[in-house]
Full PDB file with SEQRES, HELIX, SHEET, SSBOND, CRYST1, ORIGX, SCALE, CONECT and MASTER records, all heavy atoms in Angstrom:
SEQRES   1 A   34  PRO ALA PRO PRO VAL GLN LEU GLU SER GLY ASP LEU LEU          
SEQRES   2 A   34  VAL LEU LEU THR ASP GLY VAL ASP GLU ALA LEU SER THR          
SEQRES   3 A   34  ARG GLU GLU PHE PHE GLY THR ALA                              
HELIX    1 AA1 ASP A   18  ASP A   21  1                                   4    
CRYST1    1.000    1.000    1.000  90.00  90.00  90.00 P 1           1          
ORIGX1      1.000000  0.000000  0.000000        0.00000                         
ORIGX2      0.000000  1.000000  0.000000        0.00000                         
ORIGX3      0.000000  0.000000  1.000000        0.00000                         
SCALE1      1.000000  0.000000  0.000000        0.00000                         
SCALE2      0.000000  1.000000  0.000000        0.00000                         
SCALE3      0.000000  0.000000  1.000000        0.00000                         
ATOM      1  N   PRO A   1     -10.407  -3.167  18.267  1.00  0.00           N  
ATOM      2  CA  PRO A   1     -10.078  -4.054  17.151  1.00  0.00           C  
ATOM      3  C   PRO A   1     -11.017  -3.821  15.967  1.00  0.00           C  
ATOM      4  O   PRO A   1     -12.194  -3.474  16.128  1.00  0.00           O  
ATOM      5  CB  PRO A   1     -10.277  -5.444  17.743  1.00  0.00           C  
ATOM      6  CG  PRO A   1     -11.294  -5.236  18.835  1.00  0.00           C  
ATOM      7  CD  PRO A   1     -11.011  -3.883  19.409  1.00  0.00           C  
ATOM      8  N   ALA A   2     -10.505  -3.984  14.784  1.00  0.00           N  
ATOM      9  CA  ALA A   2     -11.328  -3.937  13.586  1.00  0.00           C  
ATOM     10  C   ALA A   2     -12.099  -5.257  13.479  1.00  0.00           C  
ATOM     11  O   ALA A   2     -11.697  -6.273  14.063  1.00  0.00           O  
ATOM     12  CB  ALA A   2     -10.453  -3.725  12.360  1.00  0.00           C  
ATOM     13  N   PRO A   3     -13.175  -5.286  12.741  1.00  0.00           N  
ATOM     14  CA  PRO A   3     -13.924  -6.539  12.571  1.00  0.00           C  
ATOM     15  C   PRO A   3     -13.055  -7.617  11.941  1.00  0.00           C  
ATOM     16  O   PRO A   3     -12.175  -7.323  11.125  1.00  0.00           O  
ATOM     17  CB  PRO A   3     -15.058  -6.128  11.630  1.00  0.00           C  
ATOM     18  CG  PRO A   3     -15.187  -4.651  11.790  1.00  0.00           C  
ATOM     19  CD  PRO A   3     -13.819  -4.155  12.072  1.00  0.00           C  
ATOM     20  N   PRO A   4     -13.261  -8.874  12.286  1.00  0.00           N  
ATOM     21  CA  PRO A   4     -12.473  -9.961  11.687  1.00  0.00           C  
ATOM     22  C   PRO A   4     -12.639  -9.971  10.167  1.00  0.00           C  
ATOM     23  O   PRO A   4     -13.698  -9.646   9.640  1.00  0.00           O  
ATOM     24  CB  PRO A   4     -13.052 -11.223  12.322  1.00  0.00           C  
ATOM     25  CG  PRO A   4     -13.691 -10.751  13.583  1.00  0.00           C  
ATOM     26  CD  PRO A   4     -14.207  -9.377  13.304  1.00  0.00           C  
ATOM     27  N   VAL A   5     -11.582 -10.358   9.501  1.00  0.00           N  
ATOM     28  CA  VAL A   5     -11.590 -10.424   8.039  1.00  0.00           C  
ATOM     29  C   VAL A   5     -11.350 -11.873   7.631  1.00  0.00           C  
ATOM     30  O   VAL A   5     -10.396 -12.500   8.103  1.00  0.00           O  
ATOM     31  CB  VAL A   5     -10.505  -9.516   7.436  1.00  0.00           C  
ATOM     32  CG1 VAL A   5     -10.498  -9.623   5.921  1.00  0.00           C  
ATOM     33  CG2 VAL A   5     -10.714  -8.073   7.881  1.00  0.00           C  
ATOM     34  N   GLN A   6     -12.196 -12.406   6.754  1.00  0.00           N  
ATOM     35  CA  GLN A   6     -12.026 -13.768   6.278  1.00  0.00           C  
ATOM     36  C   GLN A   6     -11.154 -13.770   5.029  1.00  0.00           C  
ATOM     37  O   GLN A   6     -11.466 -13.133   4.030  1.00  0.00           O  
ATOM     38  CB  GLN A   6     -13.384 -14.405   5.955  1.00  0.00           C  
ATOM     39  CG  GLN A   6     -13.302 -15.881   5.640  1.00  0.00           C  
ATOM     40  CD  GLN A   6     -12.787 -16.695   6.828  1.00  0.00           C  
ATOM     41  OE1 GLN A   6     -13.219 -16.504   7.961  1.00  0.00           O  
ATOM     42  NE2 GLN A   6     -11.839 -17.590   6.560  1.00  0.00           N  
ATOM     43  N   LEU A   7     -10.026 -14.465   5.114  1.00  0.00           N  
ATOM     44  CA  LEU A   7      -9.115 -14.567   3.981  1.00  0.00           C  
ATOM     45  C   LEU A   7      -9.513 -15.739   3.096  1.00  0.00           C  
ATOM     46  O   LEU A   7      -9.938 -16.793   3.596  1.00  0.00           O  
ATOM     47  CB  LEU A   7      -7.676 -14.751   4.466  1.00  0.00           C  
ATOM     48  CG  LEU A   7      -7.136 -13.655   5.392  1.00  0.00           C  
ATOM     49  CD1 LEU A   7      -5.705 -13.992   5.836  1.00  0.00           C  
ATOM     50  CD2 LEU A   7      -7.146 -12.302   4.703  1.00  0.00           C  
ATOM     51  N   GLU A   8      -9.359 -15.557   1.796  1.00  0.00           N  
ATOM     52  CA  GLU A   8      -9.720 -16.586   0.836  1.00  0.00           C  
ATOM     53  C   GLU A   8      -8.544 -16.876  -0.085  1.00  0.00           C  
ATOM     54  O   GLU A   8      -7.631 -16.060  -0.231  1.00  0.00           O  
ATOM     55  CB  GLU A   8     -10.927 -16.130   0.013  1.00  0.00           C  
ATOM     56  CG  GLU A   8     -12.157 -15.830   0.870  1.00  0.00           C  
ATOM     57  CD  GLU A   8     -13.290 -15.225   0.051  1.00  0.00           C  
ATOM     58  OE1 GLU A   8     -13.019 -14.790  -1.093  1.00  0.00           O  
ATOM     59  OE2 GLU A   8     -14.425 -15.202   0.547  1.00  0.00           O  
ATOM     60  N   SER A   9      -8.588 -18.046  -0.698  1.00  0.00           N  
ATOM     61  CA  SER A   9      -7.514 -18.411  -1.623  1.00  0.00           C  
ATOM     62  C   SER A   9      -7.378 -17.361  -2.717  1.00  0.00           C  
ATOM     63  O   SER A   9      -8.382 -16.911  -3.288  1.00  0.00           O  
ATOM     64  CB  SER A   9      -7.815 -19.780  -2.252  1.00  0.00           C  
ATOM     65  OG  SER A   9      -7.785 -20.791  -1.276  1.00  0.00           O  
ATOM     66  N   GLY A  10      -6.136 -16.967  -2.986  1.00  0.00           N  
ATOM     67  CA  GLY A  10      -5.887 -15.940  -3.995  1.00  0.00           C  
ATOM     68  C   GLY A  10      -5.763 -14.551  -3.425  1.00  0.00           C  
ATOM     69  O   GLY A  10      -5.318 -13.626  -4.130  1.00  0.00           O  
ATOM     70  N   ASP A  11      -6.174 -14.383  -2.155  1.00  0.00           N  
ATOM     71  CA  ASP A  11      -6.053 -13.060  -1.538  1.00  0.00           C  
ATOM     72  C   ASP A  11      -4.576 -12.688  -1.375  1.00  0.00           C  
ATOM     73  O   ASP A  11      -3.699 -13.555  -1.229  1.00  0.00           O  
ATOM     74  CB  ASP A  11      -6.725 -13.037  -0.164  1.00  0.00           C  
ATOM     75  CG  ASP A  11      -8.240 -12.916  -0.273  1.00  0.00           C  
ATOM     76  OD1 ASP A  11      -8.735 -12.754  -1.404  1.00  0.00           O  
ATOM     77  OD2 ASP A  11      -8.912 -12.975   0.772  1.00  0.00           O  
ATOM     78  N   LEU A  12      -4.334 -11.394  -1.375  1.00  0.00           N  
ATOM     79  CA  LEU A  12      -2.978 -10.869  -1.258  1.00  0.00           C  
ATOM     80  C   LEU A  12      -2.985  -9.733  -0.250  1.00  0.00           C  
ATOM     81  O   LEU A  12      -3.656  -8.722  -0.450  1.00  0.00           O  
ATOM     82  CB  LEU A  12      -2.490 -10.368  -2.623  1.00  0.00           C  
ATOM     83  CG  LEU A  12      -1.009 -10.098  -2.791  1.00  0.00           C  
ATOM     84  CD1 LEU A  12      -0.218 -11.396  -2.743  1.00  0.00           C  
ATOM     85  CD2 LEU A  12      -0.748  -9.395  -4.117  1.00  0.00           C  
ATOM     86  N   LEU A  13      -2.262  -9.917   0.851  1.00  0.00           N  
ATOM     87  CA  LEU A  13      -2.154  -8.889   1.887  1.00  0.00           C  
ATOM     88  C   LEU A  13      -0.860  -8.121   1.673  1.00  0.00           C  
ATOM     89  O   LEU A  13       0.228  -8.707   1.618  1.00  0.00           O  
ATOM     90  CB  LEU A  13      -2.158  -9.542   3.272  1.00  0.00           C  
ATOM     91  CG  LEU A  13      -2.007  -8.617   4.488  1.00  0.00           C  
ATOM     92  CD1 LEU A  13      -3.180  -7.658   4.590  1.00  0.00           C  
ATOM     93  CD2 LEU A  13      -1.862  -9.434   5.773  1.00  0.00           C  
ATOM     94  N   VAL A  14      -0.944  -6.777   1.539  1.00  0.00           N  
ATOM     95  CA  VAL A  14       0.223  -5.940   1.274  1.00  0.00           C  
ATOM     96  C   VAL A  14       0.331  -4.874   2.362  1.00  0.00           C  
ATOM     97  O   VAL A  14      -0.560  -4.031   2.512  1.00  0.00           O  
ATOM     98  CB  VAL A  14       0.134  -5.268  -0.115  1.00  0.00           C  
ATOM     99  CG1 VAL A  14       1.354  -4.371  -0.348  1.00  0.00           C  
ATOM    100  CG2 VAL A  14       0.039  -6.327  -1.204  1.00  0.00           C  
ATOM    101  N   LEU A  15       1.410  -4.930   3.133  1.00  0.00           N  
ATOM    102  CA  LEU A  15       1.673  -3.964   4.197  1.00  0.00           C  
ATOM    103  C   LEU A  15       2.885  -3.130   3.791  1.00  0.00           C  
ATOM    104  O   LEU A  15       3.932  -3.679   3.448  1.00  0.00           O  
ATOM    105  CB  LEU A  15       1.959  -4.677   5.522  1.00  0.00           C  
ATOM    106  CG  LEU A  15       1.032  -5.837   5.917  1.00  0.00           C  
ATOM    107  CD1 LEU A  15       1.456  -6.392   7.270  1.00  0.00           C  
ATOM    108  CD2 LEU A  15      -0.423  -5.386   5.940  1.00  0.00           C  
ATOM    109  N   LEU A  16       2.751  -1.811   3.863  1.00  0.00           N  
ATOM    110  CA  LEU A  16       3.801  -0.913   3.412  1.00  0.00           C  
ATOM    111  C   LEU A  16       4.020   0.212   4.415  1.00  0.00           C  
ATOM    112  O   LEU A  16       3.124   0.545   5.188  1.00  0.00           O  
ATOM    113  CB  LEU A  16       3.443  -0.280   2.059  1.00  0.00           C  
ATOM    114  CG  LEU A  16       3.110  -1.217   0.904  1.00  0.00           C  
ATOM    115  CD1 LEU A  16       2.562  -0.412  -0.264  1.00  0.00           C  
ATOM    116  CD2 LEU A  16       4.341  -1.988   0.474  1.00  0.00           C  
ATOM    117  N   THR A  17       5.219   0.823   4.367  1.00  0.00           N  
ATOM    118  CA  THR A  17       5.448   2.092   5.059  1.00  0.00           C  
ATOM    119  C   THR A  17       5.341   3.219   4.035  1.00  0.00           C  
ATOM    120  O   THR A  17       5.333   2.983   2.818  1.00  0.00           O  
ATOM    121  CB  THR A  17       6.833   2.126   5.727  1.00  0.00           C  
ATOM    122  OG1 THR A  17       7.845   1.914   4.744  1.00  0.00           O  
ATOM    123  CG2 THR A  17       6.935   1.065   6.807  1.00  0.00           C  
ATOM    124  N   ASP A  18       5.265   4.459   4.528  1.00  0.00           N  
ATOM    125  CA  ASP A  18       4.993   5.577   3.623  1.00  0.00           C  
ATOM    126  C   ASP A  18       6.155   5.920   2.709  1.00  0.00           C  
ATOM    127  O   ASP A  18       6.017   6.743   1.797  1.00  0.00           O  
ATOM    128  CB  ASP A  18       4.576   6.825   4.413  1.00  0.00           C  
ATOM    129  CG  ASP A  18       5.627   7.270   5.426  1.00  0.00           C  
ATOM    130  OD1 ASP A  18       6.755   6.737   5.380  1.00  0.00           O  
ATOM    131  OD2 ASP A  18       5.315   8.145   6.238  1.00  0.00           O  
ATOM    132  N   GLY A  19       7.328   5.287   2.927  1.00  0.00           N  
ATOM    133  CA  GLY A  19       8.442   5.532   2.018  1.00  0.00           C  
ATOM    134  C   GLY A  19       8.171   5.075   0.606  1.00  0.00           C  
ATOM    135  O   GLY A  19       8.814   5.548  -0.342  1.00  0.00           O  
ATOM    136  N   VAL A  20       7.199   4.159   0.427  1.00  0.00           N  
ATOM    137  CA  VAL A  20       6.870   3.653  -0.911  1.00  0.00           C  
ATOM    138  C   VAL A  20       6.010   4.653  -1.664  1.00  0.00           C  
ATOM    139  O   VAL A  20       6.396   5.162  -2.718  1.00  0.00           O  
ATOM    140  CB  VAL A  20       6.166   2.290  -0.822  1.00  0.00           C  
ATOM    141  CG1 VAL A  20       5.800   1.791  -2.214  1.00  0.00           C  
ATOM    142  CG2 VAL A  20       7.059   1.275  -0.116  1.00  0.00           C  
ATOM    143  N   ASP A  21       4.832   4.982  -1.124  1.00  0.00           N  
ATOM    144  CA  ASP A  21       3.937   5.875  -1.886  1.00  0.00           C  
ATOM    145  C   ASP A  21       4.430   7.319  -1.900  1.00  0.00           C  
ATOM    146  O   ASP A  21       4.066   8.090  -2.789  1.00  0.00           O  
ATOM    147  CB  ASP A  21       2.506   5.806  -1.335  1.00  0.00           C  
ATOM    148  CG  ASP A  21       2.385   6.403   0.050  1.00  0.00           C  
ATOM    149  OD1 ASP A  21       2.702   5.724   1.029  1.00  0.00           O  
ATOM    150  OD2 ASP A  21       1.961   7.570   0.143  1.00  0.00           O  
ATOM    151  N   GLU A  22       5.322   7.707  -0.952  1.00  0.00           N  
ATOM    152  CA  GLU A  22       5.828   9.078  -0.922  1.00  0.00           C  
ATOM    153  C   GLU A  22       7.181   9.237  -1.609  1.00  0.00           C  
ATOM    154  O   GLU A  22       7.791  10.299  -1.545  1.00  0.00           O  
ATOM    155  CB  GLU A  22       5.933   9.569   0.526  1.00  0.00           C  
ATOM    156  CG  GLU A  22       4.575   9.733   1.198  1.00  0.00           C  
ATOM    157  CD  GLU A  22       4.682  10.247   2.624  1.00  0.00           C  
ATOM    158  OE1 GLU A  22       5.814  10.500   3.078  1.00  0.00           O  
ATOM    159  OE2 GLU A  22       3.633  10.378   3.280  1.00  0.00           O  
ATOM    160  N   ALA A  23       7.645   8.200  -2.311  1.00  0.00           N  
ATOM    161  CA  ALA A  23       8.878   8.318  -3.085  1.00  0.00           C  
ATOM    162  C   ALA A  23       8.694   9.369  -4.176  1.00  0.00           C  
ATOM    163  O   ALA A  23       7.668   9.410  -4.848  1.00  0.00           O  
ATOM    164  CB  ALA A  23       9.252   6.971  -3.693  1.00  0.00           C  
ATOM    165  N   LEU A  24       9.712  10.230  -4.351  1.00  0.00           N  
ATOM    166  CA  LEU A  24       9.608  11.353  -5.296  1.00  0.00           C  
ATOM    167  C   LEU A  24      10.409  11.085  -6.563  1.00  0.00           C  
ATOM    168  O   LEU A  24      11.494  10.508  -6.530  1.00  0.00           O  
ATOM    169  CB  LEU A  24      10.139  12.634  -4.649  1.00  0.00           C  
ATOM    170  CG  LEU A  24       9.189  13.420  -3.752  1.00  0.00           C  
ATOM    171  CD1 LEU A  24       9.943  14.552  -3.083  1.00  0.00           C  
ATOM    172  CD2 LEU A  24       8.024  13.981  -4.544  1.00  0.00           C  
ATOM    173  N   SER A  25       9.854  11.531  -7.683  1.00  0.00           N  
ATOM    174  CA  SER A  25      10.583  11.508  -8.944  1.00  0.00           C  
ATOM    175  C   SER A  25      11.362  12.812  -9.086  1.00  0.00           C  
ATOM    176  O   SER A  25      11.248  13.723  -8.267  1.00  0.00           O  
ATOM    177  CB  SER A  25       9.605  11.359 -10.113  1.00  0.00           C  
ATOM    178  OG  SER A  25       8.860  12.557 -10.277  1.00  0.00           O  
ATOM    179  N   THR A  26      12.139  12.913 -10.146  1.00  0.00           N  
ATOM    180  CA  THR A  26      12.882  14.149 -10.400  1.00  0.00           C  
ATOM    181  C   THR A  26      11.946  15.309 -10.707  1.00  0.00           C  
ATOM    182  O   THR A  26      12.334  16.468 -10.632  1.00  0.00           O  
ATOM    183  CB  THR A  26      13.855  13.956 -11.567  1.00  0.00           C  
ATOM    184  OG1 THR A  26      13.122  13.514 -12.721  1.00  0.00           O  
ATOM    185  CG2 THR A  26      14.921  12.928 -11.217  1.00  0.00           C  
ATOM    186  N   ARG A  27      10.706  14.999 -11.052  1.00  0.00           N  
ATOM    187  CA  ARG A  27       9.699  16.045 -11.323  1.00  0.00           C  
ATOM    188  C   ARG A  27       8.918  16.399 -10.068  1.00  0.00           C  
ATOM    189  O   ARG A  27       7.880  17.074 -10.144  1.00  0.00           O  
ATOM    190  CB  ARG A  27       8.739  15.568 -12.417  1.00  0.00           C  
ATOM    191  CG  ARG A  27       9.439  15.260 -13.739  1.00  0.00           C  
ATOM    192  CD  ARG A  27       8.483  14.685 -14.763  1.00  0.00           C  
ATOM    193  NE  ARG A  27       7.929  13.404 -14.319  1.00  0.00           N  
ATOM    194  CZ  ARG A  27       8.558  12.239 -14.429  1.00  0.00           C  
ATOM    195  NH1 ARG A  27       9.788  12.203 -14.934  1.00  0.00           N  
ATOM    196  NH2 ARG A  27       8.007  11.124 -14.018  1.00  0.00           N  
ATOM    197  N   GLU A  28       9.405  15.884  -8.904  1.00  0.00           N  
ATOM    198  CA  GLU A  28       8.763  16.128  -7.603  1.00  0.00           C  
ATOM    199  C   GLU A  28       7.331  15.599  -7.591  1.00  0.00           C  
ATOM    200  O   GLU A  28       6.424  16.200  -7.027  1.00  0.00           O  
ATOM    201  CB  GLU A  28       8.801  17.615  -7.241  1.00  0.00           C  
ATOM    202  CG  GLU A  28      10.211  18.159  -7.087  1.00  0.00           C  
ATOM    203  CD  GLU A  28      10.234  19.550  -6.487  1.00  0.00           C  
ATOM    204  OE1 GLU A  28       9.178  20.023  -6.043  1.00  0.00           O  
ATOM    205  OE2 GLU A  28      11.320  20.156  -6.454  1.00  0.00           O  
ATOM    206  N   GLU A  29       7.139  14.430  -8.197  1.00  0.00           N  
ATOM    207  CA  GLU A  29       5.840  13.759  -8.219  1.00  0.00           C  
ATOM    208  C   GLU A  29       5.915  12.528  -7.327  1.00  0.00           C  
ATOM    209  O   GLU A  29       6.902  11.783  -7.359  1.00  0.00           O  
ATOM    210  CB  GLU A  29       5.496  13.354  -9.654  1.00  0.00           C  
ATOM    211  CG  GLU A  29       4.169  12.637  -9.795  1.00  0.00           C  
ATOM    212  CD  GLU A  29       3.902  12.215 -11.238  1.00  0.00           C  
ATOM    213  OE1 GLU A  29       4.775  12.441 -12.100  1.00  0.00           O  
ATOM    214  OE2 GLU A  29       2.833  11.649 -11.487  1.00  0.00           O  
ATOM    215  N   PHE A  30       4.877  12.310  -6.492  1.00  0.00           N  
ATOM    216  CA  PHE A  30       4.856  11.155  -5.602  1.00  0.00           C  
ATOM    217  C   PHE A  30       4.550   9.878  -6.386  1.00  0.00           C  
ATOM    218  O   PHE A  30       3.790   9.893  -7.363  1.00  0.00           O  
ATOM    219  CB  PHE A  30       3.812  11.334  -4.503  1.00  0.00           C  
ATOM    220  CG  PHE A  30       4.196  12.347  -3.464  1.00  0.00           C  
ATOM    221  CD1 PHE A  30       3.458  13.509  -3.295  1.00  0.00           C  
ATOM    222  CD2 PHE A  30       5.306  12.136  -2.654  1.00  0.00           C  
ATOM    223  CE1 PHE A  30       3.818  14.439  -2.346  1.00  0.00           C  
ATOM    224  CE2 PHE A  30       5.668  13.060  -1.688  1.00  0.00           C  
ATOM    225  CZ  PHE A  30       4.916  14.214  -1.536  1.00  0.00           C  
ATOM    226  N   PHE A  31       5.094   8.756  -5.916  1.00  0.00           N  
ATOM    227  CA  PHE A  31       4.785   7.461  -6.524  1.00  0.00           C  
ATOM    228  C   PHE A  31       3.301   7.160  -6.359  1.00  0.00           C  
ATOM    229  O   PHE A  31       2.628   6.764  -7.308  1.00  0.00           O  
ATOM    230  CB  PHE A  31       5.640   6.368  -5.872  1.00  0.00           C  
ATOM    231  CG  PHE A  31       5.523   5.031  -6.537  1.00  0.00           C  
ATOM    232  CD1 PHE A  31       6.156   4.785  -7.732  1.00  0.00           C  
ATOM    233  CD2 PHE A  31       4.767   4.015  -5.957  1.00  0.00           C  
ATOM    234  CE1 PHE A  31       6.044   3.541  -8.356  1.00  0.00           C  
ATOM    235  CE2 PHE A  31       4.653   2.775  -6.559  1.00  0.00           C  
ATOM    236  CZ  PHE A  31       5.288   2.535  -7.762  1.00  0.00           C  
ATOM    237  N   GLY A  32       2.782   7.346  -5.162  1.00  0.00           N  
ATOM    238  CA  GLY A  32       1.345   7.301  -4.923  1.00  0.00           C  
ATOM    239  C   GLY A  32       0.762   5.900  -4.841  1.00  0.00           C  
ATOM    240  O   GLY A  32       1.318   4.920  -5.340  1.00  0.00           O  
ATOM    241  N   THR A  33      -0.412   5.811  -4.197  1.00  0.00           N  
ATOM    242  CA  THR A  33      -1.070   4.512  -4.016  1.00  0.00           C  
ATOM    243  C   THR A  33      -1.635   3.959  -5.318  1.00  0.00           C  
ATOM    244  O   THR A  33      -1.725   2.738  -5.482  1.00  0.00           O  
ATOM    245  CB  THR A  33      -2.213   4.644  -2.991  1.00  0.00           C  
ATOM    246  OG1 THR A  33      -3.110   5.688  -3.405  1.00  0.00           O  
ATOM    247  CG2 THR A  33      -1.675   4.971  -1.614  1.00  0.00           C  
ATOM    248  N   ALA A  34      -1.994   4.819  -6.260  1.00  0.00           N  
ATOM    249  CA  ALA A  34      -2.544   4.326  -7.529  1.00  0.00           C  
ATOM    250  C   ALA A  34      -1.511   3.465  -8.252  1.00  0.00           C  
ATOM    251  O   ALA A  34      -1.839   2.406  -8.822  1.00  0.00           O  
ATOM    252  CB  ALA A  34      -2.980   5.491  -8.408  1.00  0.00           C  
TER     253      ALA A  34                                                      
MASTER        0    0    0    1    0    0    0    6  252    1    0    3          
END                                                                             
């Protein structure tokens, strides 16, 4: 297990599959995590 994480008001948890950051444009550029 990873160490426990304390959540605070205003925090935002985002869970994704690789279809999001690996989506390709017509220029063959990845959407990317940035």
